[in-house]
Amino acid sequence: MVRVLIFEDNRNFRESLSLYLASADGLWLSGAFADATEAVKMVKKYQPDVVLMDIQMPYVSGIDAMREIKKINSNTKVLIQTVFEDDD
């Protein structure tokens, strides 16, 4: 079972992704959060195998959160994602 945490500020995308992952065989959605202010605390608590991280969020960027997560648990895989509204 692959444990997954999500950090995504777009509510609709976070909820859709959460529903999808929660129903996927072989995955365990440990939590989904609107920002990464407590990312390190949540990674320590849930010990995920994978973190899905939005790159641009309020308070703490996904890049900064990833750096902090890797300091405390180098085995956790962090997948950075982003969505741009601009088609160009």
C-alpha atoms as a PDB file:
ATOM      1  CA  MET A   1       0.000   0.000   0.000  1.00  0.00           C
ATOM      2  CA  VAL A   2       1.472   3.356  -1.057  1.00  0.00           C
ATOM      3  CA  ARG A   3       0.674   6.141   1.424  1.00  0.00           C
ATOM      4  CA  VAL A   4       0.010   9.542  -0.172  1.00  0.00           C
ATOM      5  CA  LEU A   5      -0.294  13.091   1.161  1.00  0.00           C
ATOM      6  CA  ILE A   6      -1.579  15.985  -0.945  1.00  0.00           C
ATOM      7  CA  PHE A   7      -0.753  19.684  -0.564  1.00  0.00           C
ATOM      8  CA  GLU A   8      -2.835  21.695  -3.035  1.00  0.00           C
ATOM      9  CA  ASP A   9      -4.460  25.099  -2.575  1.00  0.00           C
ATOM     10  CA  ASN A  10      -7.018  24.710  -5.380  1.00  0.00           C
ATOM     11  CA  ARG A  11      -9.989  23.271  -3.499  1.00  0.00           C
ATOM     12  CA  ASN A  12     -11.727  21.679  -6.484  1.00  0.00           C
ATOM     13  CA  PHE A  13      -8.556  20.034  -7.746  1.00  0.00           C
ATOM     14  CA  ARG A  14      -7.589  18.877  -4.231  1.00  0.00           C
ATOM     15  CA  GLU A  15     -11.015  17.333  -3.664  1.00  0.00           C
ATOM     16  CA  SER A  16     -11.099  15.659  -7.086  1.00  0.00           C
ATOM     17  CA  LEU A  17      -7.620  14.269  -6.661  1.00  0.00           C
ATOM     18  CA  SER A  18      -8.496  13.093  -3.152  1.00  0.00           C
ATOM     19  CA  LEU A  19     -11.584  11.227  -4.371  1.00  0.00           C
ATOM     20  CA  TYR A  20      -9.628   9.605  -7.159  1.00  0.00           C
ATOM     21  CA  LEU A  21      -6.710   8.516  -4.966  1.00  0.00           C
ATOM     22  CA  ALA A  22      -8.956   7.329  -2.135  1.00  0.00           C
ATOM     23  CA  SER A  23     -10.677   4.934  -4.538  1.00  0.00           C
ATOM     24  CA  ALA A  24      -7.507   3.676  -6.253  1.00  0.00           C
ATOM     25  CA  ASP A  25      -6.310   0.163  -5.462  1.00  0.00           C
ATOM     26  CA  GLY A  26      -2.914   0.045  -3.804  1.00  0.00           C
ATOM     27  CA  LEU A  27      -3.027   3.656  -2.577  1.00  0.00           C
ATOM     28  CA  TRP A  28      -3.862   5.037   0.841  1.00  0.00           C
ATOM     29  CA  LEU A  29      -4.731   8.727   0.973  1.00  0.00           C
ATOM     30  CA  SER A  30      -3.423   9.842   4.357  1.00  0.00           C
ATOM     31  CA  GLY A  31      -4.526  13.463   4.016  1.00  0.00           C
ATOM     32  CA  ALA A  32      -5.062  16.465   1.788  1.00  0.00           C
ATOM     33  CA  PHE A  33      -4.194  20.015   2.846  1.00  0.00           C
ATOM     34  CA  ALA A  34      -4.812  23.483   1.397  1.00  0.00           C
ATOM     35  CA  ASP A  35      -1.311  24.748   2.143  1.00  0.00           C
ATOM     36  CA  ALA A  36       2.071  23.463   3.229  1.00  0.00           C
ATOM     37  CA  THR A  37       2.524  25.467   6.438  1.00  0.00           C
ATOM     38  CA  GLU A  38       2.502  22.239   8.449  1.00  0.00           C
ATOM     39  CA  ALA A  39       3.936  19.954   5.778  1.00  0.00           C
ATOM     40  CA  VAL A  40       6.838  18.758   7.928  1.00  0.00           C
ATOM     41  CA  LYS A  41       4.507  18.032  10.842  1.00  0.00           C
ATOM     42  CA  MET A  42       2.120  16.091   8.581  1.00  0.00           C
ATOM     43  CA  VAL A  43       4.946  14.103   6.975  1.00  0.00           C
ATOM     44  CA  LYS A  44       6.260  13.170  10.434  1.00  0.00           C
ATOM     45  CA  LYS A  45       2.751  12.179  11.531  1.00  0.00           C
ATOM     46  CA  TYR A  46       1.641  10.168   8.475  1.00  0.00           C
ATOM     47  CA  GLN A  47       5.001   8.920   7.104  1.00  0.00           C
ATOM     48  CA  PRO A  48       3.862   8.993   3.452  1.00  0.00           C
ATOM     49  CA  ASP A  49       5.676   7.224   0.664  1.00  0.00           C
ATOM     50  CA  VAL A  50       4.663   9.977  -1.777  1.00  0.00           C
ATOM     51  CA  VAL A  51       3.747  13.645  -1.395  1.00  0.00           C
ATOM     52  CA  LEU A  52       1.881  15.391  -4.204  1.00  0.00           C
ATOM     53  CA  MET A  53       2.841  19.047  -3.849  1.00  0.00           C
ATOM     54  CA  ASP A  54       1.539  22.102  -5.665  1.00  0.00           C
ATOM     55  CA  ILE A  55       4.421  24.378  -6.569  1.00  0.00           C
ATOM     56  CA  GLN A  56       2.692  27.702  -5.861  1.00  0.00           C
ATOM     57  CA  MET A  57       0.668  27.984  -2.652  1.00  0.00           C
ATOM     58  CA  PRO A  58       0.026  30.671  -0.068  1.00  0.00           C
ATOM     59  CA  TYR A  59       2.383  30.998   2.924  1.00  0.00           C
ATOM     60  CA  VAL A  60       4.941  28.315   1.948  1.00  0.00           C
ATOM     61  CA  SER A  61       5.829  27.398  -1.627  1.00  0.00           C
ATOM     62  CA  GLY A  62       5.888  23.785  -2.717  1.00  0.00           C
ATOM     63  CA  ILE A  63       9.616  24.053  -3.427  1.00  0.00           C
ATOM     64  CA  ASP A  64      10.376  25.283   0.109  1.00  0.00           C
ATOM     65  CA  ALA A  65       8.126  22.627   1.643  1.00  0.00           C
ATOM     66  CA  MET A  66       9.813  19.920  -0.429  1.00  0.00           C
ATOM     67  CA  ARG A  67      13.245  21.011   0.801  1.00  0.00           C
ATOM     68  CA  GLU A  68      12.091  20.783   4.426  1.00  0.00           C
ATOM     69  CA  ILE A  69      10.432  17.405   3.884  1.00  0.00           C
ATOM     70  CA  LYS A  70      13.579  15.962   2.297  1.00  0.00           C
ATOM     71  CA  LYS A  71      15.623  17.140   5.316  1.00  0.00           C
ATOM     72  CA  ILE A  72      13.519  15.065   7.710  1.00  0.00           C
ATOM     73  CA  ASN A  73      12.807  12.090   5.458  1.00  0.00           C
ATOM     74  CA  SER A  74      14.931  11.641   2.362  1.00  0.00           C
ATOM     75  CA  ASN A  75      13.010   8.468   1.420  1.00  0.00           C
ATOM     76  CA  THR A  76       9.727  10.308   0.857  1.00  0.00           C
ATOM     77  CA  LYS A  77       9.150  10.947  -2.835  1.00  0.00           C
ATOM     78  CA  VAL A  78       7.837  14.442  -3.587  1.00  0.00           C
ATOM     79  CA  LEU A  79       6.056  15.033  -6.872  1.00  0.00           C
ATOM     80  CA  ILE A  80       5.748  18.723  -7.695  1.00  0.00           C
ATOM     81  CA  GLN A  81       2.772  19.770  -9.791  1.00  0.00           C
ATOM     82  CA  THR A  82       1.184  22.989 -10.872  1.00  0.00           C
ATOM     83  CA  VAL A  83      -1.673  24.284 -12.966  1.00  0.00           C
ATOM     84  CA  PHE A  84      -1.488  27.455 -15.016  1.00  0.00           C
ATOM     85  CA  GLU A  85      -4.649  29.285 -16.028  1.00  0.00           C
ATOM     86  CA  ASP A  86      -2.872  30.879 -19.003  1.00  0.00           C
ATOM     87  CA  ASP A  87      -2.996  28.722 -22.157  1.00  0.00           C
ATOM     88  CA  ASP A  88       0.130  30.396 -23.531  1.00  0.00           C
END
